[in-house]
Amino acid sequence: MKWGRDWNEKLREVVYRERGEALRTVRILRFYERNTIIIVKPDRLRYWIPSTAIRDADETLTDLQLQGY
């Protein structure tokens, strides 16, 4: 997979979705490519404390199991 140089704007469009004036969706993205996992989070969620890292790992493993890995 070839990555471009600047993905900031495209990722921002996917992570933050405005749905009218009253609703805003914030997503966490996971990209799986062979033996690499990339987790994309909004700025306010990107810093890991141990409990957050464990939760992210658990959610990632659950996601991979549901996909048949």
PDB file of N, CA and C in Angstrom:
ATOM      1  N   MET A   1       0.842  -1.178   0.000  1.00  0.00           N
ATOM      2  CA  MET A   1       0.000   0.000   0.000  1.00  0.00           C
ATOM      3  C   MET A   1       0.886   1.239   0.000  1.00  0.00           C
ATOM      4  N   LYS A   2       0.586   2.172  -0.844  1.00  0.00           N
ATOM      5  CA  LYS A   2       1.361   3.410  -0.906  1.00  0.00           C
ATOM      6  C   LYS A   2       0.563   4.541  -0.260  1.00  0.00           C
ATOM      7  N   TRP A   3       1.197   5.199   0.656  1.00  0.00           N
ATOM      8  CA  TRP A   3       0.551   6.301   1.375  1.00  0.00           C
ATOM      9  C   TRP A   3       1.007   7.621   0.785  1.00  0.00           C
ATOM     10  N   GLY A   4       0.090   8.542   0.673  1.00  0.00           N
ATOM     11  CA  GLY A   4       0.431   9.887   0.225  1.00  0.00           C
ATOM     12  C   GLY A   4       1.163  10.641   1.312  1.00  0.00           C
ATOM     13  N   ARG A   5       1.531  11.838   1.014  1.00  0.00           N
ATOM     14  CA  ARG A   5       2.295  12.625   1.979  1.00  0.00           C
ATOM     15  C   ARG A   5       1.427  13.272   3.053  1.00  0.00           C
ATOM     16  N   ASP A   6       0.313  13.852   2.677  1.00  0.00           N
ATOM     17  CA  ASP A   6      -0.495  14.585   3.650  1.00  0.00           C
ATOM     18  C   ASP A   6      -1.933  14.073   3.639  1.00  0.00           C
ATOM     19  N   TRP A   7      -2.280  13.356   4.679  1.00  0.00           N
ATOM     20  CA  TRP A   7      -3.618  12.780   4.806  1.00  0.00           C
ATOM     21  C   TRP A   7      -4.484  13.548   5.796  1.00  0.00           C
ATOM     22  N   ASN A   8      -3.977  14.618   6.373  1.00  0.00           N
ATOM     23  CA  ASN A   8      -4.692  15.326   7.433  1.00  0.00           C
ATOM     24  C   ASN A   8      -6.111  15.704   7.048  1.00  0.00           C
ATOM     25  N   GLU A   9      -6.287  16.347   5.921  1.00  0.00           N
ATOM     26  CA  GLU A   9      -7.621  16.843   5.550  1.00  0.00           C
ATOM     27  C   GLU A   9      -8.586  15.700   5.249  1.00  0.00           C
ATOM     28  N   LYS A  10      -8.143  14.697   4.518  1.00  0.00           N
ATOM     29  CA  LYS A  10      -9.014  13.562   4.192  1.00  0.00           C
ATOM     30  C   LYS A  10      -9.429  12.799   5.448  1.00  0.00           C
ATOM     31  N   LEU A  11      -8.477  12.564   6.347  1.00  0.00           N
ATOM     32  CA  LEU A  11      -8.813  11.868   7.590  1.00  0.00           C
ATOM     33  C   LEU A  11      -9.743  12.699   8.459  1.00  0.00           C
ATOM     34  N   ARG A  12      -9.542  13.992   8.497  1.00  0.00           N
ATOM     35  CA  ARG A  12     -10.413  14.878   9.273  1.00  0.00           C
ATOM     36  C   ARG A  12     -11.856  14.784   8.761  1.00  0.00           C
ATOM     37  N   GLU A  13     -12.022  14.706   7.440  1.00  0.00           N
ATOM     38  CA  GLU A  13     -13.359  14.584   6.862  1.00  0.00           C
ATOM     39  C   GLU A  13     -14.042  13.282   7.270  1.00  0.00           C
ATOM     40  N   VAL A  14     -13.261  12.207   7.394  1.00  0.00           N
ATOM     41  CA  VAL A  14     -13.833  10.912   7.749  1.00  0.00           C
ATOM     42  C   VAL A  14     -14.085  10.809   9.252  1.00  0.00           C
ATOM     43  N   VAL A  15     -13.157  11.307  10.069  1.00  0.00           N
ATOM     44  CA  VAL A  15     -13.282  11.196  11.518  1.00  0.00           C
ATOM     45  C   VAL A  15     -14.409  12.075  12.047  1.00  0.00           C
ATOM     46  N   TYR A  16     -14.501  13.307  11.567  1.00  0.00           N
ATOM     47  CA  TYR A  16     -15.521  14.234  12.040  1.00  0.00           C
ATOM     48  C   TYR A  16     -16.611  14.363  10.991  1.00  0.00           C
ATOM     49  N   ARG A  17     -17.835  14.057  11.354  1.00  0.00           N
ATOM     50  CA  ARG A  17     -18.970  14.196  10.439  1.00  0.00           C
ATOM     51  C   ARG A  17     -20.009  15.102  11.080  1.00  0.00           C
ATOM     52  N   GLU A  18     -20.375  16.154  10.394  1.00  0.00           N
ATOM     53  CA  GLU A  18     -21.430  17.047  10.844  1.00  0.00           C
ATOM     54  C   GLU A  18     -22.755  16.557  10.279  1.00  0.00           C
ATOM     55  N   ARG A  19     -23.721  16.342  11.123  1.00  0.00           N
ATOM     56  CA  ARG A  19     -25.053  15.904  10.710  1.00  0.00           C
ATOM     57  C   ARG A  19     -26.057  16.928  11.213  1.00  0.00           C
ATOM     58  N   GLY A  20     -26.183  17.999  10.452  1.00  0.00           N
ATOM     59  CA  GLY A  20     -27.058  19.078  10.880  1.00  0.00           C
ATOM     60  C   GLY A  20     -26.365  19.950  11.904  1.00  0.00           C
ATOM     61  N   GLU A  21     -27.132  20.793  12.560  1.00  0.00           N
ATOM     62  CA  GLU A  21     -26.553  21.707  13.547  1.00  0.00           C
ATOM     63  C   GLU A  21     -26.409  21.078  14.923  1.00  0.00           C
ATOM     64  N   ALA A  22     -27.194  20.033  15.203  1.00  0.00           N
ATOM     65  CA  ALA A  22     -27.229  19.490  16.549  1.00  0.00           C
ATOM     66  C   ALA A  22     -26.444  18.194  16.737  1.00  0.00           C
ATOM     67  N   LEU A  23     -26.039  17.538  15.662  1.00  0.00           N
ATOM     68  CA  LEU A  23     -25.392  16.241  15.804  1.00  0.00           C
ATOM     69  C   LEU A  23     -24.047  16.217  15.094  1.00  0.00           C
ATOM     70  N   ARG A  24     -23.053  15.752  15.821  1.00  0.00           N
ATOM     71  CA  ARG A  24     -21.712  15.604  15.267  1.00  0.00           C
ATOM     72  C   ARG A  24     -21.201  14.212  15.618  1.00  0.00           C
ATOM     73  N   THR A  25     -20.713  13.485  14.631  1.00  0.00           N
ATOM     74  CA  THR A  25     -20.189  12.145  14.830  1.00  0.00           C
ATOM     75  C   THR A  25     -18.668  12.206  14.825  1.00  0.00           C
ATOM     76  N   VAL A  26     -18.049  11.564  15.819  1.00  0.00           N
ATOM     77  CA  VAL A  26     -16.597  11.466  15.896  1.00  0.00           C
ATOM     78  C   VAL A  26     -16.247   9.986  15.847  1.00  0.00           C
ATOM     79  N   ARG A  27     -15.422   9.598  14.894  1.00  0.00           N
ATOM     80  CA  ARG A  27     -15.084   8.189  14.686  1.00  0.00           C
ATOM     81  C   ARG A  27     -13.641   7.898  15.066  1.00  0.00           C
ATOM     82  N   ILE A  28     -13.414   6.627  15.368  1.00  0.00           N
ATOM     83  CA  ILE A  28     -12.066   6.098  15.516  1.00  0.00           C
ATOM     84  C   ILE A  28     -11.901   5.084  14.396  1.00  0.00           C
ATOM     85  N   LEU A  29     -10.863   5.235  13.591  1.00  0.00           N
ATOM     86  CA  LEU A  29     -10.640   4.366  12.442  1.00  0.00           C
ATOM     87  C   LEU A  29      -9.514   3.390  12.718  1.00  0.00           C
ATOM     88  N   ARG A  30      -9.671   2.179  12.206  1.00  0.00           N
ATOM     89  CA  ARG A  30      -8.612   1.181  12.273  1.00  0.00           C
ATOM     90  C   ARG A  30      -8.354   0.673  10.864  1.00  0.00           C
ATOM     91  N   PHE A  31      -7.108   0.741  10.427  1.00  0.00           N
ATOM     92  CA  PHE A  31      -6.698   0.223   9.131  1.00  0.00           C
ATOM     93  C   PHE A  31      -5.844  -1.015   9.380  1.00  0.00           C
ATOM     94  N   TYR A  32      -6.183  -2.096   8.715  1.00  0.00           N
ATOM     95  CA  TYR A  32      -5.425  -3.341   8.828  1.00  0.00           C
ATOM     96  C   TYR A  32      -4.772  -3.629   7.481  1.00  0.00           C
ATOM     97  N   GLU A  33      -3.474  -3.809   7.492  1.00  0.00           N
ATOM     98  CA  GLU A  33      -2.735  -4.134   6.274  1.00  0.00           C
ATOM     99  C   GLU A  33      -1.623  -5.105   6.648  1.00  0.00           C
ATOM    100  N   ARG A  34      -1.791  -6.360   6.274  1.00  0.00           N
ATOM    101  CA  ARG A  34      -0.855  -7.437   6.602  1.00  0.00           C
ATOM    102  C   ARG A  34      -0.557  -7.461   8.093  1.00  0.00           C
ATOM    103  N   ASN A  35       0.645  -7.116   8.503  1.00  0.00           N
ATOM    104  CA  ASN A  35       0.995  -7.153   9.928  1.00  0.00           C
ATOM    105  C   ASN A  35       1.041  -5.763  10.557  1.00  0.00           C
ATOM    106  N   THR A  36       0.312  -4.814   9.987  1.00  0.00           N
ATOM    107  CA  THR A  36       0.304  -3.445  10.488  1.00  0.00           C
ATOM    108  C   THR A  36      -1.121  -3.024  10.820  1.00  0.00           C
ATOM    109  N   ILE A  37      -1.282  -2.391  11.960  1.00  0.00           N
ATOM    110  CA  ILE A  37      -2.562  -1.811  12.362  1.00  0.00           C
ATOM    111  C   ILE A  37      -2.329  -0.333  12.608  1.00  0.00           C
ATOM    112  N   ILE A  38      -3.122   0.498  11.967  1.00  0.00           N
ATOM    113  CA  ILE A  38      -3.051   1.939  12.175  1.00  0.00           C
ATOM    114  C   ILE A  38      -4.360   2.376  12.799  1.00  0.00           C
ATOM    115  N   ILE A  39      -4.283   3.006  13.957  1.00  0.00           N
ATOM    116  CA  ILE A  39      -5.461   3.521  14.645  1.00  0.00           C
ATOM    117  C   ILE A  39      -5.450   5.037  14.505  1.00  0.00           C
ATOM    118  N   VAL A  40      -6.534   5.589  13.954  1.00  0.00           N
ATOM    119  CA  VAL A  40      -6.659   7.031  13.751  1.00  0.00           C
ATOM    120  C   VAL A  40      -7.719   7.537  14.718  1.00  0.00           C
ATOM    121  N   LYS A  41      -7.303   8.471  15.579  1.00  0.00           N
ATOM    122  CA  LYS A  41      -8.204   9.029  16.583  1.00  0.00           C
ATOM    123  C   LYS A  41      -8.199  10.550  16.489  1.00  0.00           C
ATOM    124  N   PRO A  42      -9.285  11.168  16.945  1.00  0.00           N
ATOM    125  CA  PRO A  42      -9.276  12.630  17.033  1.00  0.00           C
ATOM    126  C   PRO A  42      -8.223  13.086  18.054  1.00  0.00           C
ATOM    127  N   ASP A  43      -7.785  14.320  17.923  1.00  0.00           N
ATOM    128  CA  ASP A  43      -6.721  14.834  18.795  1.00  0.00           C
ATOM    129  C   ASP A  43      -7.008  14.626  20.277  1.00  0.00           C
ATOM    130  N   ARG A  44      -8.227  14.866  20.694  1.00  0.00           N
ATOM    131  CA  ARG A  44      -8.510  14.779  22.136  1.00  0.00           C
ATOM    132  C   ARG A  44      -8.501  13.348  22.671  1.00  0.00           C
ATOM    133  N   LEU A  45      -8.489  12.339  21.791  1.00  0.00           N
ATOM    134  CA  LEU A  45      -8.468  10.936  22.223  1.00  0.00           C
ATOM    135  C   LEU A  45      -7.156  10.224  21.903  1.00  0.00           C
ATOM    136  N   ARG A  46      -6.205  10.909  21.328  1.00  0.00           N
ATOM    137  CA  ARG A  46      -5.029  10.207  20.817  1.00  0.00           C
ATOM    138  C   ARG A  46      -3.998   9.844  21.876  1.00  0.00           C
ATOM    139  N   TYR A  47      -3.992  10.486  23.029  1.00  0.00           N
ATOM    140  CA  TYR A  47      -2.988  10.187  24.047  1.00  0.00           C
ATOM    141  C   TYR A  47      -3.431   8.978  24.849  1.00  0.00           C
ATOM    142  N   TRP A  48      -2.539   8.010  24.978  1.00  0.00           N
ATOM    143  CA  TRP A  48      -2.867   6.755  25.634  1.00  0.00           C
ATOM    144  C   TRP A  48      -2.377   6.749  27.068  1.00  0.00           C
ATOM    145  N   ILE A  49      -3.261   6.387  27.945  1.00  0.00           N
ATOM    146  CA  ILE A  49      -2.864   5.951  29.270  1.00  0.00           C
ATOM    147  C   ILE A  49      -3.019   4.435  29.226  1.00  0.00           C
ATOM    148  N   PRO A  50      -2.441   3.720  30.155  1.00  0.00           N
ATOM    149  CA  PRO A  50      -2.478   2.251  30.054  1.00  0.00           C
ATOM    150  C   PRO A  50      -3.886   1.668  29.895  1.00  0.00           C
ATOM    151  N   SER A  51      -4.863   2.178  30.614  1.00  0.00           N
ATOM    152  CA  SER A  51      -6.209   1.611  30.502  1.00  0.00           C
ATOM    153  C   SER A  51      -6.819   1.858  29.124  1.00  0.00           C
ATOM    154  N   THR A  52      -6.523   2.994  28.511  1.00  0.00           N
ATOM    155  CA  THR A  52      -7.020   3.286  27.162  1.00  0.00           C
ATOM    156  C   THR A  52      -6.343   2.386  26.144  1.00  0.00           C
ATOM    157  N   ALA A  53      -5.053   2.149  26.297  1.00  0.00           N
ATOM    158  CA  ALA A  53      -4.324   1.270  25.377  1.00  0.00           C
ATOM    159  C   ALA A  53      -4.872  -0.153  25.455  1.00  0.00           C
ATOM    160  N   ILE A  54      -5.177  -0.616  26.651  1.00  0.00           N
ATOM    161  CA  ILE A  54      -5.740  -1.968  26.823  1.00  0.00           C
ATOM    162  C   ILE A  54      -7.117  -2.045  26.175  1.00  0.00           C
ATOM    163  N   ARG A  55      -7.947  -1.024  26.363  1.00  0.00           N
ATOM    164  CA  ARG A  55      -9.277  -1.016  25.752  1.00  0.00           C
ATOM    165  C   ARG A  55      -9.172  -1.011  24.230  1.00  0.00           C
ATOM    166  N   ASP A  56      -8.268  -0.202  23.677  1.00  0.00           N
ATOM    167  CA  ASP A  56      -8.081  -0.168  22.228  1.00  0.00           C
ATOM    168  C   ASP A  56      -7.609  -1.528  21.703  1.00  0.00           C
ATOM    169  N   ALA A  57      -6.701  -2.165  22.429  1.00  0.00           N
ATOM    170  CA  ALA A  57      -6.222  -3.490  22.017  1.00  0.00           C
ATOM    171  C   ALA A  57      -7.354  -4.506  22.066  1.00  0.00           C
ATOM    172  N   ASP A  58      -8.157  -4.485  23.124  1.00  0.00           N
ATOM    173  CA  ASP A  58      -9.298  -5.398  23.232  1.00  0.00           C
ATOM    174  C   ASP A  58     -10.289  -5.191  22.090  1.00  0.00           C
ATOM    175  N   GLU A  59     -10.612  -3.943  21.789  1.00  0.00           N
ATOM    176  CA  GLU A  59     -11.558  -3.653  20.710  1.00  0.00           C
ATOM    177  C   GLU A  59     -11.002  -4.073  19.356  1.00  0.00           C
ATOM    178  N   THR A  60      -9.705  -3.889  19.150  1.00  0.00           N
ATOM    179  CA  THR A  60      -9.075  -4.288  17.897  1.00  0.00           C
ATOM    180  C   THR A  60      -9.094  -5.804  17.738  1.00  0.00           C
ATOM    181  N   LEU A  61      -8.747  -6.531  18.798  1.00  0.00           N
ATOM    182  CA  LEU A  61      -8.773  -7.993  18.725  1.00  0.00           C
ATOM    183  C   LEU A  61     -10.187  -8.519  18.503  1.00  0.00           C
ATOM    184  N   THR A  62     -11.162  -7.918  19.158  1.00  0.00           N
ATOM    185  CA  THR A  62     -12.561  -8.310  18.950  1.00  0.00           C
ATOM    186  C   THR A  62     -12.973  -8.072  17.503  1.00  0.00           C
ATOM    187  N   ASP A  63     -12.590  -6.935  16.963  1.00  0.00           N
ATOM    188  CA  ASP A  63     -12.904  -6.612  15.575  1.00  0.00           C
ATOM    189  C   ASP A  63     -12.279  -7.629  14.626  1.00  0.00           C
ATOM    190  N   LEU A  64     -11.022  -7.986  14.861  1.00  0.00           N
ATOM    191  CA  LEU A  64     -10.342  -8.964  14.012  1.00  0.00           C
ATOM    192  C   LEU A  64     -10.987 -10.345  14.126  1.00  0.00           C
ATOM    193  N   GLN A  65     -11.414 -10.743  15.330  1.00  0.00           N
ATOM    194  CA  GLN A  65     -12.092 -12.029  15.508  1.00  0.00           C
ATOM    195  C   GLN A  65     -13.405 -12.057  14.745  1.00  0.00           C
ATOM    196  N   LEU A  66     -14.154 -10.959  14.792  1.00  0.00           N
ATOM    197  CA  LEU A  66     -15.428 -10.886  14.073  1.00  0.00           C
ATOM    198  C   LEU A  66     -15.227 -10.967  12.561  1.00  0.00           C
ATOM    199  N   GLN A  67     -14.050 -10.562  12.088  1.00  0.00           N
ATOM    200  CA  GLN A  67     -13.733 -10.634  10.668  1.00  0.00           C
ATOM    201  C   GLN A  67     -13.179 -11.998  10.261  1.00  0.00           C
ATOM    202  N   GLY A  68     -13.017 -12.889  11.232  1.00  0.00           N
ATOM    203  CA  GLY A  68     -12.577 -14.252  10.921  1.00  0.00           C
ATOM    204  C   GLY A  68     -11.099 -14.524  11.067  1.00  0.00           C
ATOM    205  N   TYR A  69     -10.361 -13.632  11.726  1.00  0.00           N
ATOM    206  CA  TYR A  69      -8.926 -13.862  11.924  1.00  0.00           C
ATOM    207  C   TYR A  69      -8.671 -14.554  13.233  1.00  0.00           C
TER     208      TYR A  69
END
